[in-house]
C-alpha atoms as a PDB file:
ATOM      1  CA  ASP A   1      77.783 114.842 101.207  1.00  0.00           C
ATOM      2  CA  LEU A   2      78.534 117.325  98.410  1.00  0.00           C
ATOM      3  CA  ALA A   3      77.093 120.256 100.360  1.00  0.00           C
ATOM      4  CA  VAL A   4      79.357 119.568 103.325  1.00  0.00           C
ATOM      5  CA  GLY A   5      82.361 119.153 101.031  1.00  0.00           C
ATOM      6  CA  ARG A   6      81.632 122.428  99.259  1.00  0.00           C
ATOM      7  CA  SER A   7      81.256 124.208 102.602  1.00  0.00           C
ATOM      8  CA  ALA A   8      84.638 122.878 103.760  1.00  0.00           C
ATOM      9  CA  LEU A   9      86.317 124.113 100.580  1.00  0.00           C
ATOM     10  CA  ILE A  10      84.784 127.571 100.928  1.00  0.00           C
ATOM     11  CA  THR A  11      85.875 127.783 104.571  1.00  0.00           C
ATOM     12  CA  ALA A  12      89.399 126.723 103.686  1.00  0.00           C
ATOM     13  CA  ARG A  13      89.573 129.330 100.912  1.00  0.00           C
ATOM     14  CA  LYS A  14      88.425 132.098 103.286  1.00  0.00           C
ATOM     15  CA  ARG A  15      90.965 131.086 105.903  1.00  0.00           C
ATOM     16  CA  LYS A  16      93.729 131.087 103.316  1.00  0.00           C
ATOM     17  CA  LYS A  17      92.844 134.618 102.199  1.00  0.00           C
ATOM     18  CA  SER A  18      92.843 135.936 105.766  1.00  0.00           C
ATOM     19  CA  ALA A  19      96.013 134.120 106.855  1.00  0.00           C
ATOM     20  CA  PRO A  20      99.219 136.216 107.113  1.00  0.00           C
ATOM     21  CA  PRO A  21     101.815 135.565 104.390  1.00  0.00           C
ATOM     22  CA  LEU A  22     104.383 132.926 105.227  1.00  0.00           C
ATOM     23  CA  LYS A  23     107.952 134.123 105.735  1.00  0.00           C
ATOM     24  CA  THR A  24     109.540 130.676 105.853  1.00  0.00           C
ATOM     25  CA  PRO A  25     109.199 127.558 103.646  1.00  0.00           C
ATOM     26  CA  ILE A  26     106.171 125.374 104.359  1.00  0.00           C
ATOM     27  CA  PHE A  27     108.039 122.136 103.613  1.00  0.00           C
ATOM     28  CA  GLU A  28     110.270 120.285 106.053  1.00  0.00           C
ATOM     29  CA  THR A  29     113.131 117.845 105.576  1.00  0.00           C
ATOM     30  CA  PRO A  30     116.267 116.894 107.542  1.00  0.00           C
ATOM     31  CA  ARG A  31     118.913 119.607 107.158  1.00  0.00           C
ATOM     32  CA  GLY A  32     121.482 117.030 106.150  1.00  0.00           C
ATOM     33  CA  GLY A  33     119.178 115.517 103.537  1.00  0.00           C
ATOM     34  CA  LEU A  34     117.134 112.341 103.634  1.00  0.00           C
ATOM     35  CA  THR A  35     120.310 110.305 104.108  1.00  0.00           C
ATOM     36  CA  MET A  36     120.041 111.399 107.750  1.00  0.00           C
ATOM     37  CA  LEU A  37     117.104 108.996 108.100  1.00  0.00           C
ATOM     38  CA  THR A  38     119.154 106.004 106.993  1.00  0.00           C
ATOM     39  CA  ARG A  39     122.063 107.083 109.202  1.00  0.00           C
ATOM     40  CA  ALA A  40     119.763 107.326 112.211  1.00  0.00           C
ATOM     41  CA  LEU A  41     118.330 103.887 111.403  1.00  0.00           C
ATOM     42  CA  GLU A  42     121.830 102.451 111.103  1.00  0.00           C
ATOM     43  CA  GLN A  43     122.843 103.886 114.467  1.00  0.00           C
ATOM     44  CA  ALA A  44     119.697 102.508 116.116  1.00  0.00           C
ATOM     45  CA  ILE A  45     120.269  99.017 114.695  1.00  0.00           C
ATOM     46  CA  ARG A  46     123.928  98.909 115.729  1.00  0.00           C
ATOM     47  CA  SER A  47     123.172 100.291 119.199  1.00  0.00           C
ATOM     48  CA  MET A  48     120.833  97.352 119.789  1.00  0.00           C
ATOM     49  CA  GLY A  49     123.447  94.822 118.736  1.00  0.00           C
ATOM     50  CA  GLY A  50     122.298  94.374 115.157  1.00  0.00           C
ATOM     51  CA  THR A  51     124.663  93.950 112.223  1.00  0.00           C
ATOM     52  CA  ILE A  52     124.475  95.523 108.754  1.00  0.00           C
ATOM     53  CA  ALA A  53     126.171  94.069 105.657  1.00  0.00           C
ATOM     54  CA  THR A  54     126.785  96.701 102.981  1.00  0.00           C
ATOM     55  CA  ASP A  55     128.089  96.128  99.444  1.00  0.00           C
ATOM     56  CA  THR A  56     126.701  92.606  99.742  1.00  0.00           C
ATOM     57  CA  LYS A  57     124.413  91.005  97.179  1.00  0.00           C
ATOM     58  CA  VAL A  58     121.848  88.376  98.129  1.00  0.00           C
ATOM     59  CA  GLU A  59     122.081  85.763  95.395  1.00  0.00           C
ATOM     60  CA  LYS A  60     119.589  83.170  96.532  1.00  0.00           C
ATOM     61  CA  VAL A  61     117.058  82.355  99.253  1.00  0.00           C
ATOM     62  CA  SER A  62     115.855  78.806  99.908  1.00  0.00           C
ATOM     63  CA  ARG A  63     114.288  76.698 102.645  1.00  0.00           C
ATOM     64  CA  ARG A  64     116.589  75.044 105.197  1.00  0.00           C
ATOM     65  CA  TYR A  65     114.360  72.774 107.224  1.00  0.00           C
ATOM     66  CA  LYS A  66     112.022  75.191 109.086  1.00  0.00           C
ATOM     67  CA  ALA A  67     114.348  78.152 108.505  1.00  0.00           C
ATOM     68  CA  TYR A  68     115.776  79.915 105.451  1.00  0.00           C
ATOM     69  CA  LEU A  69     119.210  79.832 103.850  1.00  0.00           C
ATOM     70  CA  ILE A  70     120.316  83.206 102.487  1.00  0.00           C
ATOM     71  CA  VAL A  71     123.269  82.939 100.101  1.00  0.00           C
ATOM     72  CA  THR A  72     125.295  86.110  99.520  1.00  0.00           C
ATOM     73  CA  ASP A  73     128.418  87.114  97.611  1.00  0.00           C
ATOM     74  CA  SER A  74     130.200  87.996 100.861  1.00  0.00           C
ATOM     75  CA  GLN A  75     133.664  86.521 101.238  1.00  0.00           C
ATOM     76  CA  THR A  76     133.446  86.501 105.032  1.00  0.00           C
ATOM     77  CA  ASN A  77     129.856  85.394 105.614  1.00  0.00           C
ATOM     78  CA  PRO A  78     128.436  83.854 102.421  1.00  0.00           C
ATOM     79  CA  GLU A  79     125.578  81.971 104.106  1.00  0.00           C
ATOM     80  CA  ILE A  80     123.062  83.180 106.672  1.00  0.00           C
ATOM     81  CA  ILE A  81     120.437  81.041 108.387  1.00  0.00           C
ATOM     82  CA  ALA A  82     117.310  82.996 109.338  1.00  0.00           C
ATOM     83  CA  ASP A  83     114.089  81.973 111.066  1.00  0.00           C
ATOM     84  CA  SER A  84     112.281  84.949 109.521  1.00  0.00           C
ATOM     85  CA  MET A  85     113.025  87.749 107.068  1.00  0.00           C
ATOM     86  CA  ILE A  86     111.546  90.891 105.558  1.00  0.00           C
ATOM     87  CA  VAL A  87     112.157  91.458 101.846  1.00  0.00           C
ATOM     88  CA  THR A  88     112.098  95.184 101.021  1.00  0.00           C
ATOM     89  CA  SER A  89     113.830  95.314  97.640  1.00  0.00           C
ATOM     90  CA  PRO A  90     112.005  96.590  94.513  1.00  0.00           C
ATOM     91  CA  ALA A  91     109.386  94.157  93.247  1.00  0.00           C
ATOM     92  CA  ARG A  92     111.380  92.789  90.318  1.00  0.00           C
ATOM     93  CA  ALA A  93     114.454  92.190  92.464  1.00  0.00           C
ATOM     94  CA  SER A  94     112.277  90.526  95.089  1.00  0.00           C
ATOM     95  CA  ALA A  95     110.828  88.300  92.373  1.00  0.00           C
ATOM     96  CA  THR A  96     114.285  86.875  91.713  1.00  0.00           C
ATOM     97  CA  LEU A  97     115.073  86.401  95.393  1.00  0.00           C
ATOM     98  CA  LEU A  98     111.812  84.561  96.122  1.00  0.00           C
ATOM     99  CA  SER A  99     111.726  82.348  93.031  1.00  0.00           C
ATOM    100  CA  ASP A 100     112.880  79.210  94.901  1.00  0.00           C
ATOM    101  CA  LEU A 101     110.417  79.790  97.738  1.00  0.00           C
ATOM    102  CA  ASP A 102     107.219  80.534  95.838  1.00  0.00           C
ATOM    103  CA  GLU A 103     107.128  80.512  92.054  1.00  0.00           C
ATOM    104  CA  GLN A 104     103.653  82.062  91.952  1.00  0.00           C
ATOM    105  CA  VAL A 105     104.766  84.998  94.120  1.00  0.00           C
ATOM    106  CA  SER A 106     107.895  85.434  92.026  1.00  0.00           C
ATOM    107  CA  THR A 107     105.878  85.558  88.813  1.00  0.00           C
ATOM    108  CA  SER A 108     103.413  88.068  90.283  1.00  0.00           C
ATOM    109  CA  LEU A 109     106.140  90.419  91.546  1.00  0.00           C
ATOM    110  CA  ALA A 110     107.976  90.254  88.233  1.00  0.00           C
ATOM    111  CA  THR A 111     105.006  91.846  86.454  1.00  0.00           C
ATOM    112  CA  THR A 112     105.286  95.108  88.440  1.00  0.00           C
ATOM    113  CA  ASP A 113     105.860  98.136  86.214  1.00  0.00           C
ATOM    114  CA  HIS A 114     108.431 100.763  87.182  1.00  0.00           C
ATOM    115  CA  ALA A 115     109.047 104.261  85.854  1.00  0.00           C
ATOM    116  CA  SER A 116     112.506 105.774  85.390  1.00  0.00           C
ATOM    117  CA  VAL A 117     113.291 109.439  86.043  1.00  0.00           C
ATOM    118  CA  VAL A 118     116.203 111.843  85.885  1.00  0.00           C
ATOM    119  CA  MET A 119     116.635 114.686  88.381  1.00  0.00           C
ATOM    120  CA  VAL A 120     118.608 117.764  87.295  1.00  0.00           C
ATOM    121  CA  THR A 121     119.479 120.248  90.033  1.00  0.00           C
ATOM    122  CA  VAL A 122     120.451 123.723  88.813  1.00  0.00           C
ATOM    123  CA  LYS A 123     121.738 126.844  90.582  1.00  0.00           C
ATOM    124  CA  THR A 124     120.880 130.035  88.697  1.00  0.00           C
ATOM    125  CA  GLN A 125     121.444 133.722  89.444  1.00  0.00           C
ATOM    126  CA  GLU A 126     119.158 135.188  86.799  1.00  0.00           C
ATOM    127  CA  THR A 127     117.356 138.221  88.259  1.00  0.00           C
ATOM    128  CA  GLU A 128     114.117 137.433  86.421  1.00  0.00           C
ATOM    129  CA  ILE A 129     113.678 134.208  88.375  1.00  0.00           C
ATOM    130  CA  ALA A 130     113.306 136.257  91.578  1.00  0.00           C
ATOM    131  CA  SER A 131     109.652 136.795  90.657  1.00  0.00           C
ATOM    132  CA  PHE A 132     109.044 133.162  91.599  1.00  0.00           C
ATOM    133  CA  ARG A 133     110.172 133.525  95.185  1.00  0.00           C
ATOM    134  CA  GLY A 134     107.502 132.244  97.552  1.00  0.00           C
ATOM    135  CA  LEU A 135     106.353 129.587  95.071  1.00  0.00           C
ATOM    136  CA  SER A 136     107.198 125.901  95.496  1.00  0.00           C
ATOM    137  CA  GLY A 137     107.261 124.939  91.821  1.00  0.00           C
ATOM    138  CA  TYR A 138     104.965 123.636  89.108  1.00  0.00           C
ATOM    139  CA  LEU A 139     103.862 120.554  87.192  1.00  0.00           C
ATOM    140  CA  VAL A 140     103.905 120.483  83.405  1.00  0.00           C
ATOM    141  CA  ALA A 141     100.576 119.410  81.915  1.00  0.00           C
ATOM    142  CA  LYS A 142     100.912 116.301  79.745  1.00  0.00           C
ATOM    143  CA  PRO A 143      99.777 118.072  76.518  1.00  0.00           C
ATOM    144  CA  ASP A 144     102.583 120.603  77.063  1.00  0.00           C
ATOM    145  CA  GLN A 145     105.296 118.152  78.081  1.00  0.00           C
ATOM    146  CA  ASP A 146     108.458 117.625  76.114  1.00  0.00           C
ATOM    147  CA  ARG A 147     110.868 115.883  78.510  1.00  0.00           C
ATOM    148  CA  VAL A 148     110.452 117.944  81.702  1.00  0.00           C
ATOM    149  CA  THR A 149     107.509 116.872  83.878  1.00  0.00           C
ATOM    150  CA  ALA A 150     107.934 118.987  87.020  1.00  0.00           C
ATOM    151  CA  VAL A 151     110.024 121.839  88.389  1.00  0.00           C
ATOM    152  CA  SER A 152     110.642 122.367  92.106  1.00  0.00           C
ATOM    153  CA  PHE A 153     111.947 125.711  93.372  1.00  0.00           C
ATOM    154  CA  GLY A 154     114.139 123.908  95.881  1.00  0.00           C
ATOM    155  CA  SER A 155     115.583 126.953  97.629  1.00  0.00           C
ATOM    156  CA  ASN A 156     112.052 128.223  98.231  1.00  0.00           C
ATOM    157  CA  LYS A 157     110.972 124.893  99.727  1.00  0.00           C
ATOM    158  CA  TRP A 158     113.973 124.031 101.884  1.00  0.00           C
ATOM    159  CA  ALA A 159     115.446 126.645 104.210  1.00  0.00           C
ATOM    160  CA  HIS A 160     118.906 125.036 104.219  1.00  0.00           C
ATOM    161  CA  TRP A 161     119.004 125.189 100.412  1.00  0.00           C
ATOM    162  CA  GLN A 162     118.739 128.983 100.294  1.00  0.00           C
ATOM    163  CA  PRO A 163     122.016 130.443  98.912  1.00  0.00           C
ATOM    164  CA  ASN A 164     123.497 133.563 100.475  1.00  0.00           C
ATOM    165  CA  ASP A 165     124.138 135.249  97.118  1.00  0.00           C
ATOM    166  CA  GLY A 166     120.494 135.742  96.127  1.00  0.00           C
ATOM    167  CA  SER A 167     120.505 132.911  93.587  1.00  0.00           C
ATOM    168  CA  MET A 168     117.914 130.120  93.352  1.00  0.00           C
ATOM    169  CA  ILE A 169     118.189 126.364  93.228  1.00  0.00           C
ATOM    170  CA  LEU A 170     115.799 124.448  90.963  1.00  0.00           C
ATOM    171  CA  ARG A 171     115.273 120.706  90.956  1.00  0.00           C
ATOM    172  CA  VAL A 172     113.808 119.480  87.689  1.00  0.00           C
ATOM    173  CA  SER A 173     112.263 116.084  86.909  1.00  0.00           C
ATOM    174  CA  LEU A 174     112.415 114.430  83.498  1.00  0.00           C
ATOM    175  CA  GLY A 175     110.594 111.238  82.548  1.00  0.00           C
ATOM    176  CA  ARG A 176     107.427 109.575  83.781  1.00  0.00           C
ATOM    177  CA  ASP A 177     105.333 106.453  83.483  1.00  0.00           C
ATOM    178  CA  GLY A 178     104.210 105.920  79.901  1.00  0.00           C
ATOM    179  CA  ALA A 179     106.912 108.125  78.373  1.00  0.00           C
ATOM    180  CA  THR A 180     110.165 107.067  76.750  1.00  0.00           C
ATOM    181  CA  THR A 181     112.989 107.392  79.276  1.00  0.00           C
ATOM    182  CA  HIS A 182     115.629 104.947  78.028  1.00  0.00           C
ATOM    183  CA  ASP A 183     117.492 107.681  76.183  1.00  0.00           C
ATOM    184  CA  LEU A 184     117.464 109.973  79.241  1.00  0.00           C
ATOM    185  CA  ILE A 185     118.839 107.260  81.499  1.00  0.00           C
ATOM    186  CA  HIS A 186     121.288 105.453  79.222  1.00  0.00           C
ATOM    187  CA  GLU A 187     122.117 107.664  76.229  1.00  0.00           C
ATOM    188  CA  TRP A 188     122.058 111.380  76.987  1.00  0.00           C
ATOM    189  CA  GLU A 189     125.173 112.937  78.488  1.00  0.00           C
ATOM    190  CA  ASP A 190     124.810 115.199  81.518  1.00  0.00           C
ATOM    191  CA  GLU A 191     125.466 118.319  79.433  1.00  0.00           C
ATOM    192  CA  ARG A 192     122.611 117.509  77.068  1.00  0.00           C
ATOM    193  CA  LEU A 193     120.220 116.921  79.958  1.00  0.00           C
ATOM    194  CA  VAL A 194     121.123 120.264  81.547  1.00  0.00           C
ATOM    195  CA  THR A 195     120.661 122.047  78.206  1.00  0.00           C
ATOM    196  CA  GLN A 196     117.243 120.430  77.776  1.00  0.00           C
ATOM    197  CA  VAL A 197     116.217 121.567  81.259  1.00  0.00           C
ATOM    198  CA  ILE A 198     117.385 125.138  80.719  1.00  0.00           C
ATOM    199  CA  ASP A 199     115.562 125.380  77.385  1.00  0.00           C
ATOM    200  CA  GLU A 200     112.281 124.003  78.701  1.00  0.00           C
ATOM    201  CA  VAL A 201     112.229 125.866  82.031  1.00  0.00           C
ATOM    202  CA  SER A 202     113.104 129.124  80.245  1.00  0.00           C
ATOM    203  CA  ARG A 203     110.158 128.556  77.916  1.00  0.00           C
ATOM    204  CA  HIS A 204     107.776 127.624  80.741  1.00  0.00           C
ATOM    205  CA  THR A 205     108.661 130.627  82.901  1.00  0.00           C
ATOM    206  CA  GLN A 206     109.298 133.121  80.095  1.00  0.00           C
ATOM    207  CA  THR A 207     112.736 133.854  81.566  1.00  0.00           C
ATOM    208  CA  ALA A 208     116.227 133.333  80.183  1.00  0.00           C
ATOM    209  CA  ILE A 209     117.896 131.281  82.923  1.00  0.00           C
ATOM    210  CA  THR A 210     121.409 129.856  82.866  1.00  0.00           C
ATOM    211  CA  ALA A 211     122.984 127.100  84.942  1.00  0.00           C
ATOM    212  CA  ASP A 212     125.854 128.310  87.116  1.00  0.00           C
ATOM    213  CA  ILE A 213     126.176 124.894  88.762  1.00  0.00           C
ATOM    214  CA  SER A 214     124.311 121.681  87.940  1.00  0.00           C
ATOM    215  CA  ARG A 215     124.019 118.081  89.091  1.00  0.00           C
ATOM    216  CA  VAL A 216     122.393 115.148  87.264  1.00  0.00           C
ATOM    217  CA  THR A 217     120.996 112.116  89.087  1.00  0.00           C
ATOM    218  CA  ARG A 218     119.574 109.131  87.215  1.00  0.00           C
ATOM    219  CA  TRP A 219     116.996 106.851  88.827  1.00  0.00           C
ATOM    220  CA  PRO A 220     116.346 103.814  86.575  1.00  0.00           C
ATOM    221  CA  ASP A 221     113.171 101.862  87.404  1.00  0.00           C
ATOM    222  CA  ALA A 222     112.863 103.893  90.591  1.00  0.00           C
ATOM    223  CA  PHE A 223     109.107 104.378  90.878  1.00  0.00           C
ATOM    224  CA  PRO A 224     106.802 101.340  91.069  1.00  0.00           C
ATOM    225  CA  GLN A 225     103.495 101.936  89.351  1.00  0.00           C
ATOM    226  CA  TYR A 226     100.298 100.951  91.133  1.00  0.00           C
ATOM    227  CA  ARG A 227      97.785  99.661  88.607  1.00  0.00           C
ATOM    228  CA  PRO A 228      94.063  99.145  89.328  1.00  0.00           C
ATOM    229  CA  GLY A 229      93.614  96.345  91.835  1.00  0.00           C
ATOM    230  CA  HIS A 230      97.110  96.784  93.271  1.00  0.00           C
ATOM    231  CA  LEU A 231      96.202  96.211  96.924  1.00  0.00           C
ATOM    232  CA  ALA A 232      94.262  93.052  96.101  1.00  0.00           C
ATOM    233  CA  HIS A 233      97.310  91.919  94.120  1.00  0.00           C
ATOM    234  CA  ILE A 234      99.605  92.482  97.134  1.00  0.00           C
ATOM    235  CA  GLU A 235      97.183  90.770  99.534  1.00  0.00           C
ATOM    236  CA  LYS A 236      97.167  87.700  97.284  1.00  0.00           C
ATOM    237  CA  ILE A 237     100.982  87.638  97.321  1.00  0.00           C
ATOM    238  CA  GLU A 238     101.032  87.946 101.115  1.00  0.00           C
ATOM    239  CA  ARG A 239      98.559  85.062 101.526  1.00  0.00           C
ATOM    240  CA  SER A 240     100.608  82.867  99.205  1.00  0.00           C
ATOM    241  CA  LEU A 241     103.817  83.602 101.136  1.00  0.00           C
ATOM    242  CA  ALA A 242     102.095  82.883 104.447  1.00  0.00           C
ATOM    243  CA  ASP A 243     101.185  79.409 103.142  1.00  0.00           C
ATOM    244  CA  SER A 244     104.392  78.526 101.292  1.00  0.00           C
ATOM    245  CA  SER A 245     107.010  80.413 103.325  1.00  0.00           C
ATOM    246  CA  PRO A 246     105.900  81.202 106.896  1.00  0.00           C
ATOM    247  CA  GLY A 247     108.018  83.946 108.395  1.00  0.00           C
ATOM    248  CA  VAL A 248     108.796  85.664 105.096  1.00  0.00           C
ATOM    249  CA  PHE A 249     107.263  89.133 104.778  1.00  0.00           C
ATOM    250  CA  ILE A 250     107.364  91.781 102.050  1.00  0.00           C
ATOM    251  CA  ALA A 251     107.417  95.552 102.427  1.00  0.00           C
ATOM    252  CA  GLY A 252     108.653  98.678 100.680  1.00  0.00           C
ATOM    253  CA  ALA A 253     107.686 101.146  97.990  1.00  0.00           C
ATOM    254  CA  SER A 254     106.498  98.427  95.612  1.00  0.00           C
ATOM    255  CA  MET A 255     103.903  97.154  98.078  1.00  0.00           C
ATOM    256  CA  ARG A 256     101.734  99.470 100.192  1.00  0.00           C
ATOM    257  CA  GLY A 257     102.800 103.042  99.533  1.00  0.00           C
ATOM    258  CA  ILE A 258     105.746 104.727  97.877  1.00  0.00           C
ATOM    259  CA  GLY A 259     106.229 107.674 100.263  1.00  0.00           C
ATOM    260  CA  ILE A 260     108.501 107.728 103.305  1.00  0.00           C
ATOM    261  CA  PRO A 261     105.651 107.650 105.901  1.00  0.00           C
ATOM    262  CA  ALA A 262     104.057 104.695 104.121  1.00  0.00           C
ATOM    263  CA  CYS A 263     107.366 102.813 103.998  1.00  0.00           C
ATOM    264  CA  VAL A 264     108.027 103.534 107.686  1.00  0.00           C
ATOM    265  CA  ALA A 265     104.575 102.209 108.552  1.00  0.00           C
ATOM    266  CA  GLN A 266     105.232  99.060 106.514  1.00  0.00           C
ATOM    267  CA  GLY A 267     108.531  98.561 108.305  1.00  0.00           C
ATOM    268  CA  GLU A 268     106.883  98.852 111.704  1.00  0.00           C
ATOM    269  CA  ASN A 269     104.061  96.485 110.760  1.00  0.00           C
ATOM    270  CA  SER A 270     106.500  93.952 109.302  1.00  0.00           C
ATOM    271  CA  ALA A 271     108.638  94.093 112.451  1.00  0.00           C
ATOM    272  CA  LYS A 272     105.541  93.317 114.530  1.00  0.00           C
ATOM    273  CA  SER A 273     104.728  90.392 112.225  1.00  0.00           C
ATOM    274  CA  VAL A 274     108.253  89.005 112.645  1.00  0.00           C
ATOM    275  CA  ALA A 275     108.057  89.350 116.448  1.00  0.00           C
ATOM    276  CA  GLU A 276     104.729  87.528 116.512  1.00  0.00           C
ATOM    277  CA  PHE A 277     106.056  84.786 114.238  1.00  0.00           C
ATOM    278  CA  LEU A 278     109.184  84.250 116.354  1.00  0.00           C
ATOM    279  CA  ALA A 279     107.109  84.167 119.541  1.00  0.00           C
ATOM    280  CA  HIS A 280     104.965  81.463 117.950  1.00  0.00           C
ATOM    281  CA  LEU A 281     108.101  79.470 117.077  1.00  0.00           C
ATOM    282  CA  ARG A 282     109.253  79.583 120.703  1.00  0.00           C
ATOM    283  CA  ASP A 283     105.856  78.356 121.828  1.00  0.00           C
END
């Protein structure tokens, strides 16, 4: 109902105008960074008697009677027999792993597009940038884009990022789906990337910022791209796996949501599916 929707928007706008100004960031994240999530998960798994193999590559997965043989490059435990498994790697990597189990699934996963990005984090003490305090950042409209696509005022968003010397921390994204990113990822040196960021952000904000400290992080093929019909595509893959490889489940950013909450939900749902499958085996 358009009338109801318009009324809701008007109400929200009025409430925003009458609300007191915020004195703290509106965003939340673990103080130690998102790595705290993986550390907590690791601790939970180990506390329940689970094992984790790091720096270990899975080279092949195949059927072993009613179970699955997982071949790794580990010197101590190169072969693992599993009744069930959840594959959470990026779609193209999963395509390779599942090729011996279901060729159709492997081919479908291999067609997934991914976008590469570079993140440049900059600490600046320019006084002019202080006018942006209280703002979370901005997106660069495609007609105005050069290489920078978004700028996050990180120290405004995250309380634990706020420096004590009055400076600001910016986190800048370069690259997106449909744009050339090979040079950013594989050719440009860190210094050139930082210079590009400083030039573009200075132009966007009409300020002359400098980088006191900077950090460059490259994320090749990091963001799976959901094309029209994506969910139907994933459902078809899941049905094929259920027929050809019972007990094998897929999850992760390439499947049913790229954000952390979506990935957590997929993990929980996949764990339930494994439990149900194993219970059926015991029966």
